[in-house]
C-alpha cells in the first residue's frame, strides 16, 4: 500500500515540475509619474534587420491602443515631442526553428526622459513556440492597463 502511494506521489511531483517548467513569466513594473497627462503620441525606437517583425508587432500593438505612432532609430529618450518613447529588446534562440526566448519593453516619458514602466516576458526552460505578435500585444496591453490603473 505504501509503495502504491509513493508511486502516485512521485508521479504527481513529476507532473507538477513539468507544468511549472512549461510556465512563462511576465513582469510589469510601473514607476509612479508625477504628472498623469494622457498618452496620445508615442515614438518607437525600431531595430530593423532581424527584429523588423518585432518592430511591426510593437507598432501594431501601440496602434491598437489608439496611439499616434512615429518611429526611428534614434534612441535618445528626451525631447521627442511625444508623450512616450518605447524601446524594446528581443532575444531569439533556435530549437527546430527560431522562437522568441524573451522580450523587454521600456516606456519613457517623452518630455523628461524618466522611466514610466518596464515589462518583460520570458519563455520557460521547457519552452513553447509562441507567436511573437501575440506575446507583444499581450505584454503591451498588460503594461498600459497597469499604467492606467495607477
N, C-alpha and C. Protein backbone atom coordinates (compact mmCIF):
# COMPACT_ATOMS: atom_id res chain seq x y z
N UNK A 1 0.82 -1.20 0.00
CA UNK A 1 0.00 0.00 0.00
C UNK A 1 0.87 1.26 0.00
N UNK A 2 1.90 1.31 0.86
CA UNK A 2 2.76 2.49 0.91
C UNK A 2 3.52 2.68 -0.39
N UNK A 3 3.91 1.58 -1.03
CA UNK A 3 4.62 1.67 -2.30
C UNK A 3 3.72 2.29 -3.37
N UNK A 4 2.45 1.93 -3.35
CA UNK A 4 1.47 2.47 -4.30
C UNK A 4 1.30 3.99 -4.10
N UNK A 5 1.23 4.42 -2.85
CA UNK A 5 1.11 5.85 -2.54
C UNK A 5 2.37 6.60 -2.94
N UNK A 6 3.53 5.99 -2.70
CA UNK A 6 4.81 6.59 -3.06
C UNK A 6 4.92 6.77 -4.58
N UNK A 7 4.46 5.79 -5.33
CA UNK A 7 4.47 5.88 -6.80
C UNK A 7 3.55 7.00 -7.27
N UNK A 8 2.35 7.09 -6.71
CA UNK A 8 1.40 8.15 -7.08
C UNK A 8 1.96 9.53 -6.74
N UNK A 9 2.58 9.64 -5.55
CA UNK A 9 3.16 10.91 -5.13
C UNK A 9 4.30 11.30 -6.05
N UNK A 10 5.15 10.34 -6.41
CA UNK A 10 6.26 10.62 -7.33
C UNK A 10 5.74 11.06 -8.70
N UNK A 11 4.71 10.40 -9.19
CA UNK A 11 4.13 10.77 -10.49
C UNK A 11 3.54 12.18 -10.43
N UNK A 12 2.87 12.49 -9.32
CA UNK A 12 2.28 13.83 -9.17
C UNK A 12 3.37 14.90 -9.13
N UNK A 13 4.44 14.66 -8.39
CA UNK A 13 5.52 15.64 -8.31
C UNK A 13 6.22 15.81 -9.65
N UNK A 14 6.39 14.75 -10.40
CA UNK A 14 6.98 14.83 -11.72
C UNK A 14 6.09 15.65 -12.66
N UNK A 15 4.79 15.41 -12.61
CA UNK A 15 3.84 16.17 -13.44
C UNK A 15 3.86 17.65 -13.04
N UNK A 16 3.87 17.91 -11.74
CA UNK A 16 3.88 19.28 -11.25
C UNK A 16 5.14 20.02 -11.69
N UNK A 17 6.29 19.38 -11.63
CA UNK A 17 7.53 20.03 -12.07
C UNK A 17 7.52 20.26 -13.58
N UNK A 18 6.91 19.35 -14.33
CA UNK A 18 6.79 19.55 -15.77
C UNK A 18 5.91 20.73 -16.12
N UNK A 19 4.80 20.87 -15.42
CA UNK A 19 3.90 22.00 -15.65
C UNK A 19 4.59 23.30 -15.26
N UNK A 20 5.28 23.31 -14.14
CA UNK A 20 5.99 24.52 -13.70
C UNK A 20 7.09 24.88 -14.68
N UNK A 21 7.75 23.90 -15.25
CA UNK A 21 8.81 24.15 -16.22
C UNK A 21 8.29 24.73 -17.53
N UNK A 22 7.02 24.51 -17.82
CA UNK A 22 6.44 25.00 -19.07
C UNK A 22 5.86 26.41 -18.93
N UNK A 23 5.89 26.95 -17.74
CA UNK A 23 5.27 28.25 -17.49
C UNK A 23 6.18 29.39 -17.95
N UNK A 24 5.60 30.33 -18.65
CA UNK A 24 6.33 31.55 -19.00
C UNK A 24 6.20 32.53 -17.85
N UNK A 25 7.06 33.54 -17.82
CA UNK A 25 6.97 34.55 -16.78
C UNK A 25 6.79 35.93 -17.40
N UNK A 26 5.97 36.71 -16.77
CA UNK A 26 5.74 38.09 -17.18
C UNK A 26 5.93 38.97 -15.95
N UNK A 27 6.65 40.07 -16.14
CA UNK A 27 6.88 41.02 -15.05
C UNK A 27 6.60 42.42 -15.58
N UNK A 28 5.81 43.18 -14.84
CA UNK A 28 5.50 44.55 -15.24
C UNK A 28 5.69 45.45 -14.02
N UNK A 29 6.56 46.45 -14.18
CA UNK A 29 6.80 47.43 -13.13
C UNK A 29 6.44 48.80 -13.66
N UNK A 30 5.57 49.49 -12.94
CA UNK A 30 5.18 50.85 -13.31
C UNK A 30 5.75 51.80 -12.28
N UNK A 31 6.47 52.80 -12.77
CA UNK A 31 7.03 53.83 -11.91
C UNK A 31 5.98 54.93 -11.80
N UNK A 32 5.69 55.35 -10.60
CA UNK A 32 4.70 56.39 -10.40
C UNK A 32 5.15 57.68 -11.06
N UNK A 33 4.29 58.28 -11.85
CA UNK A 33 4.62 59.53 -12.52
C UNK A 33 4.00 60.69 -11.77
N UNK A 34 4.73 61.79 -11.74
CA UNK A 34 4.20 63.00 -11.09
C UNK A 34 3.00 63.54 -11.86
N UNK A 35 3.17 63.75 -13.15
CA UNK A 35 2.05 64.25 -13.94
C UNK A 35 1.44 63.08 -14.70
N UNK A 36 0.15 62.98 -14.59
CA UNK A 36 -0.56 61.86 -15.21
C UNK A 36 -1.26 62.33 -16.48
N UNK A 37 -0.54 63.05 -17.32
CA UNK A 37 -1.12 63.52 -18.58
C UNK A 37 -1.47 62.31 -19.44
N UNK A 38 -2.58 62.37 -20.15
CA UNK A 38 -2.95 61.25 -21.00
C UNK A 38 -1.92 61.03 -22.12
N UNK A 39 -1.77 59.80 -22.50
CA UNK A 39 -0.84 59.45 -23.57
C UNK A 39 -1.59 59.40 -24.89
N UNK A 40 -1.09 60.18 -25.86
CA UNK A 40 -1.67 60.17 -27.20
C UNK A 40 -0.64 59.81 -28.26
N UNK A 41 0.60 60.27 -28.06
CA UNK A 41 1.63 60.08 -29.07
C UNK A 41 2.79 59.29 -28.50
N UNK A 42 3.32 58.38 -29.31
CA UNK A 42 4.46 57.57 -28.89
C UNK A 42 5.50 57.54 -30.00
N UNK A 43 6.75 57.41 -29.60
CA UNK A 43 7.86 57.26 -30.52
C UNK A 43 8.44 55.88 -30.28
N UNK A 44 8.48 55.04 -31.30
CA UNK A 44 9.01 53.69 -31.20
C UNK A 44 10.43 53.67 -31.74
N UNK A 45 11.37 53.22 -30.92
CA UNK A 45 12.75 53.03 -31.37
C UNK A 45 12.81 51.68 -32.08
N UNK A 46 12.94 51.71 -33.40
CA UNK A 46 12.91 50.49 -34.19
C UNK A 46 14.32 49.90 -34.34
N UNK A 47 14.36 48.61 -34.59
CA UNK A 47 15.61 47.89 -34.72
C UNK A 47 15.92 47.54 -36.17
N UNK A 48 14.88 47.20 -36.94
CA UNK A 48 15.11 46.76 -38.31
C UNK A 48 15.82 45.42 -38.32
N UNK A 49 16.38 45.05 -39.44
CA UNK A 49 17.13 43.81 -39.56
C UNK A 49 16.33 42.61 -39.11
N UNK A 50 16.95 41.76 -38.28
CA UNK A 50 16.30 40.53 -37.85
C UNK A 50 15.14 40.78 -36.88
N UNK A 51 15.02 41.98 -36.37
CA UNK A 51 13.92 42.31 -35.45
C UNK A 51 12.81 43.09 -36.14
N UNK A 52 12.83 43.19 -37.45
CA UNK A 52 11.82 44.01 -38.14
C UNK A 52 10.41 43.48 -37.90
N UNK A 53 10.24 42.17 -37.75
CA UNK A 53 8.91 41.64 -37.45
C UNK A 53 8.45 42.10 -36.07
N UNK A 54 9.37 42.18 -35.11
CA UNK A 54 9.01 42.65 -33.77
C UNK A 54 8.70 44.14 -33.82
N UNK A 55 9.44 44.90 -34.64
CA UNK A 55 9.09 46.31 -34.85
C UNK A 55 7.62 46.40 -35.26
N UNK A 56 7.23 45.58 -36.22
CA UNK A 56 5.84 45.58 -36.70
C UNK A 56 4.88 45.18 -35.60
N UNK A 57 5.25 44.17 -34.80
CA UNK A 57 4.38 43.71 -33.72
C UNK A 57 4.16 44.80 -32.68
N UNK A 58 5.23 45.49 -32.28
CA UNK A 58 5.10 46.56 -31.29
C UNK A 58 4.29 47.71 -31.88
N UNK A 59 4.59 48.08 -33.12
CA UNK A 59 3.84 49.15 -33.79
C UNK A 59 2.34 48.83 -33.81
N UNK A 60 2.01 47.61 -34.20
CA UNK A 60 0.61 47.19 -34.28
C UNK A 60 -0.06 47.26 -32.90
N UNK A 61 0.64 46.79 -31.87
CA UNK A 61 0.08 46.82 -30.51
C UNK A 61 -0.18 48.25 -30.05
N UNK A 62 0.73 49.17 -30.38
CA UNK A 62 0.55 50.58 -30.00
C UNK A 62 -0.61 51.20 -30.76
N UNK A 63 -0.71 50.89 -32.03
CA UNK A 63 -1.82 51.44 -32.84
C UNK A 63 -3.16 50.88 -32.37
N UNK A 64 -3.19 49.61 -31.95
CA UNK A 64 -4.42 49.03 -31.41
C UNK A 64 -4.88 49.74 -30.14
N UNK A 65 -3.92 50.28 -29.41
CA UNK A 65 -4.26 51.04 -28.20
C UNK A 65 -4.73 52.45 -28.53
N UNK A 66 -4.68 52.82 -29.81
CA UNK A 66 -5.19 54.12 -30.23
C UNK A 66 -4.17 55.24 -30.21
N UNK A 67 -2.88 54.91 -30.10
CA UNK A 67 -1.85 55.93 -30.05
C UNK A 67 -1.44 56.35 -31.45
N UNK A 68 -1.05 57.60 -31.58
CA UNK A 68 -0.42 58.09 -32.79
C UNK A 68 1.05 57.77 -32.66
N UNK A 69 1.60 57.04 -33.64
CA UNK A 69 2.95 56.50 -33.50
C UNK A 69 3.87 57.06 -34.57
N UNK A 70 5.06 57.47 -34.12
CA UNK A 70 6.16 57.80 -35.02
C UNK A 70 7.31 56.89 -34.63
N UNK A 71 8.31 56.80 -35.48
CA UNK A 71 9.39 55.87 -35.17
C UNK A 71 10.68 56.28 -35.84
N UNK A 72 11.72 55.67 -35.39
CA UNK A 72 13.05 55.90 -35.94
C UNK A 72 14.07 55.12 -35.15
N UNK A 73 15.32 55.26 -35.56
CA UNK A 73 16.40 54.53 -34.89
C UNK A 73 17.10 55.36 -33.82
N UNK A 74 16.74 56.63 -33.70
CA UNK A 74 17.34 57.50 -32.68
C UNK A 74 16.83 57.06 -31.31
N UNK A 75 17.72 56.54 -30.46
CA UNK A 75 17.27 56.05 -29.16
C UNK A 75 17.45 57.06 -28.03
N UNK A 76 17.66 58.34 -28.40
CA UNK A 76 17.68 59.40 -27.40
C UNK A 76 16.27 59.49 -26.81
N UNK A 77 16.17 59.51 -25.52
CA UNK A 77 14.87 59.43 -24.87
C UNK A 77 14.16 60.78 -24.83
N UNK A 78 14.83 61.79 -24.38
CA UNK A 78 14.19 63.06 -24.06
C UNK A 78 13.96 63.93 -25.29
N UNK A 79 12.95 64.80 -25.21
CA UNK A 79 12.64 65.83 -26.20
C UNK A 79 12.27 65.28 -27.57
N UNK A 80 11.42 64.31 -27.59
CA UNK A 80 10.94 63.74 -28.84
C UNK A 80 9.64 64.41 -29.30
N UNK A 81 9.11 65.32 -28.52
CA UNK A 81 7.81 65.94 -28.80
C UNK A 81 6.71 64.89 -28.90
N UNK A 82 6.82 63.88 -28.04
CA UNK A 82 5.80 62.84 -27.91
C UNK A 82 5.56 62.61 -26.43
N UNK A 83 4.47 61.91 -26.13
CA UNK A 83 4.17 61.61 -24.73
C UNK A 83 5.05 60.49 -24.18
N UNK A 84 5.31 59.47 -24.99
CA UNK A 84 6.12 58.33 -24.54
C UNK A 84 7.11 57.91 -25.61
N UNK A 85 8.25 57.41 -25.16
CA UNK A 85 9.23 56.77 -26.04
C UNK A 85 9.23 55.30 -25.66
N UNK A 86 9.11 54.44 -26.66
CA UNK A 86 9.03 52.99 -26.44
C UNK A 86 10.30 52.34 -26.99
N UNK A 87 10.98 51.61 -26.11
CA UNK A 87 12.17 50.85 -26.51
C UNK A 87 11.93 49.39 -26.16
N UNK A 88 12.50 48.50 -26.95
CA UNK A 88 12.38 47.09 -26.62
C UNK A 88 13.68 46.37 -26.94
N UNK A 89 13.81 45.20 -26.34
CA UNK A 89 14.97 44.35 -26.58
C UNK A 89 14.44 42.92 -26.67
N UNK A 90 14.58 42.31 -27.85
CA UNK A 90 14.08 40.95 -28.05
C UNK A 90 15.24 39.96 -28.17
N UNK A 91 15.01 38.75 -27.69
CA UNK A 91 16.03 37.70 -27.73
C UNK A 91 15.39 36.45 -28.32
N UNK A 92 16.07 35.90 -29.31
CA UNK A 92 15.58 34.72 -30.01
C UNK A 92 16.58 33.60 -29.86
N UNK A 93 16.11 32.37 -29.97
CA UNK A 93 17.01 31.22 -29.95
C UNK A 93 16.46 30.14 -30.88
N UNK A 94 17.25 29.12 -31.06
CA UNK A 94 16.93 28.08 -32.05
C UNK A 94 16.65 26.76 -31.36
N UNK A 95 15.56 26.11 -31.74
CA UNK A 95 15.25 24.74 -31.36
C UNK A 95 14.25 24.22 -32.38
N UNK A 96 14.73 23.61 -33.41
CA UNK A 96 13.95 23.18 -34.57
C UNK A 96 13.55 24.36 -35.45
N UNK A 97 13.31 25.46 -34.84
CA UNK A 97 13.01 26.71 -35.53
C UNK A 97 13.37 27.86 -34.59
N UNK A 98 13.46 29.06 -35.12
CA UNK A 98 13.71 30.22 -34.25
C UNK A 98 12.44 30.49 -33.43
N UNK A 99 12.64 30.80 -32.17
CA UNK A 99 11.49 31.15 -31.33
C UNK A 99 11.90 32.25 -30.36
N UNK A 100 10.89 33.01 -29.92
CA UNK A 100 11.11 34.12 -29.00
C UNK A 100 11.48 33.57 -27.63
N UNK A 101 12.66 33.92 -27.17
CA UNK A 101 13.13 33.49 -25.84
C UNK A 101 12.67 34.48 -24.78
N UNK A 102 12.80 35.81 -25.09
CA UNK A 102 12.35 36.83 -24.14
C UNK A 102 12.23 38.17 -24.85
N UNK A 103 11.47 39.05 -24.23
CA UNK A 103 11.36 40.43 -24.72
C UNK A 103 11.19 41.35 -23.52
N UNK A 104 11.87 42.48 -23.57
CA UNK A 104 11.76 43.53 -22.56
C UNK A 104 11.28 44.79 -23.26
N UNK A 105 10.31 45.46 -22.68
CA UNK A 105 9.80 46.72 -23.23
C UNK A 105 9.90 47.79 -22.15
N UNK A 106 10.45 48.94 -22.54
CA UNK A 106 10.57 50.07 -21.61
C UNK A 106 9.81 51.26 -22.20
N UNK A 107 9.10 51.97 -21.33
CA UNK A 107 8.37 53.18 -21.70
C UNK A 107 8.96 54.35 -20.93
N UNK A 108 9.32 55.40 -21.66
CA UNK A 108 9.91 56.58 -21.06
C UNK A 108 9.03 57.79 -21.34
N UNK A 109 9.00 58.72 -20.40
CA UNK A 109 8.30 59.98 -20.62
C UNK A 109 9.04 60.75 -21.71
N UNK A 110 8.34 61.14 -22.76
CA UNK A 110 8.97 61.81 -23.89
C UNK A 110 9.47 63.20 -23.59
N UNK A 111 8.96 63.83 -22.56
CA UNK A 111 9.39 65.19 -22.21
C UNK A 111 10.57 65.19 -21.25
N UNK A 112 10.49 64.32 -20.22
CA UNK A 112 11.52 64.33 -19.18
C UNK A 112 12.57 63.24 -19.34
N UNK A 113 12.23 62.19 -20.09
CA UNK A 113 13.14 61.06 -20.25
C UNK A 113 13.10 60.07 -19.11
N UNK A 114 12.24 60.29 -18.11
CA UNK A 114 12.19 59.38 -16.97
C UNK A 114 11.43 58.10 -17.33
N UNK A 115 11.83 57.02 -16.68
CA UNK A 115 11.21 55.73 -16.89
C UNK A 115 9.79 55.74 -16.36
N UNK A 116 8.85 55.31 -17.19
CA UNK A 116 7.44 55.23 -16.79
C UNK A 116 7.09 53.79 -16.41
N UNK A 117 7.51 52.84 -17.24
CA UNK A 117 7.20 51.43 -16.97
C UNK A 117 8.19 50.55 -17.71
N UNK A 118 8.40 49.39 -17.16
CA UNK A 118 9.20 48.38 -17.84
C UNK A 118 8.49 47.05 -17.66
N UNK A 119 8.49 46.28 -18.72
CA UNK A 119 7.83 44.98 -18.68
C UNK A 119 8.70 43.96 -19.39
N UNK A 120 8.54 42.72 -18.98
CA UNK A 120 9.31 41.66 -19.61
C UNK A 120 8.50 40.39 -19.68
N UNK A 121 8.79 39.62 -20.70
CA UNK A 121 8.20 38.29 -20.88
C UNK A 121 9.35 37.34 -21.16
N UNK A 122 9.30 36.17 -20.52
CA UNK A 122 10.36 35.19 -20.75
C UNK A 122 9.75 33.82 -20.92
N UNK A 123 10.21 33.14 -21.96
CA UNK A 123 9.80 31.77 -22.21
C UNK A 123 10.40 30.88 -21.14
N UNK A 124 9.82 29.72 -20.92
CA UNK A 124 10.31 28.82 -19.88
C UNK A 124 11.44 27.94 -20.41
N UNK A 125 12.06 27.22 -19.49
CA UNK A 125 13.12 26.29 -19.87
C UNK A 125 12.57 25.21 -20.80
N UNK A 126 11.38 24.70 -20.48
CA UNK A 126 10.69 23.77 -21.36
C UNK A 126 9.74 24.59 -22.22
N UNK A 127 10.34 25.31 -23.15
CA UNK A 127 9.67 26.37 -23.88
C UNK A 127 8.56 25.88 -24.79
N UNK A 128 7.81 26.86 -25.23
CA UNK A 128 6.84 26.66 -26.30
C UNK A 128 7.28 27.53 -27.46
N UNK A 129 6.61 27.44 -28.57
CA UNK A 129 6.94 28.23 -29.75
C UNK A 129 5.85 29.30 -29.92
N UNK A 130 5.94 30.40 -29.16
CA UNK A 130 4.85 31.38 -29.16
C UNK A 130 4.84 32.22 -30.43
N UNK A 131 3.67 32.74 -30.72
CA UNK A 131 3.55 33.74 -31.77
C UNK A 131 4.02 35.05 -31.16
N UNK A 132 5.11 35.61 -31.68
CA UNK A 132 5.70 36.82 -31.10
C UNK A 132 4.70 37.98 -31.09
N UNK A 133 3.89 38.09 -32.13
CA UNK A 133 2.89 39.15 -32.18
C UNK A 133 1.90 39.07 -31.03
N UNK A 134 1.47 37.86 -30.70
CA UNK A 134 0.54 37.68 -29.58
C UNK A 134 1.21 38.03 -28.25
N UNK A 135 2.47 37.62 -28.09
CA UNK A 135 3.21 37.92 -26.86
C UNK A 135 3.35 39.43 -26.69
N UNK A 136 3.76 40.11 -27.77
CA UNK A 136 3.96 41.56 -27.71
C UNK A 136 2.65 42.27 -27.43
N UNK A 137 1.59 41.90 -28.14
CA UNK A 137 0.28 42.54 -27.95
C UNK A 137 -0.19 42.38 -26.50
N UNK A 138 -0.06 41.17 -25.97
CA UNK A 138 -0.47 40.91 -24.60
C UNK A 138 0.38 41.71 -23.60
N UNK A 139 1.70 41.76 -23.82
CA UNK A 139 2.58 42.48 -22.91
C UNK A 139 2.31 43.98 -22.95
N UNK A 140 2.13 44.53 -24.14
CA UNK A 140 1.81 45.96 -24.26
C UNK A 140 0.48 46.26 -23.58
N UNK A 141 -0.54 45.44 -23.82
CA UNK A 141 -1.85 45.67 -23.20
C UNK A 141 -1.78 45.59 -21.68
N UNK A 142 -1.10 44.58 -21.16
CA UNK A 142 -0.97 44.46 -19.70
C UNK A 142 -0.23 45.65 -19.11
N UNK A 143 0.79 46.12 -19.81
CA UNK A 143 1.58 47.25 -19.31
C UNK A 143 0.73 48.50 -19.25
N UNK A 144 0.04 48.83 -20.33
CA UNK A 144 -0.78 50.04 -20.33
C UNK A 144 -1.98 49.91 -19.41
N UNK A 145 -2.54 48.72 -19.27
CA UNK A 145 -3.63 48.53 -18.30
C UNK A 145 -3.14 48.81 -16.89
N UNK A 146 -1.92 48.38 -16.59
CA UNK A 146 -1.38 48.62 -15.25
C UNK A 146 -1.06 50.12 -15.07
N UNK A 147 -0.57 50.77 -16.11
CA UNK A 147 -0.33 52.22 -16.03
C UNK A 147 -1.64 52.95 -15.78
N UNK A 148 -2.68 52.57 -16.51
CA UNK A 148 -3.97 53.24 -16.39
C UNK A 148 -4.61 53.02 -15.02
N UNK A 149 -4.26 51.91 -14.37
CA UNK A 149 -4.85 51.63 -13.06
C UNK A 149 -4.15 52.35 -11.92
N UNK A 150 -2.98 52.94 -12.19
CA UNK A 150 -2.22 53.64 -11.14
C UNK A 150 -2.74 55.03 -10.94
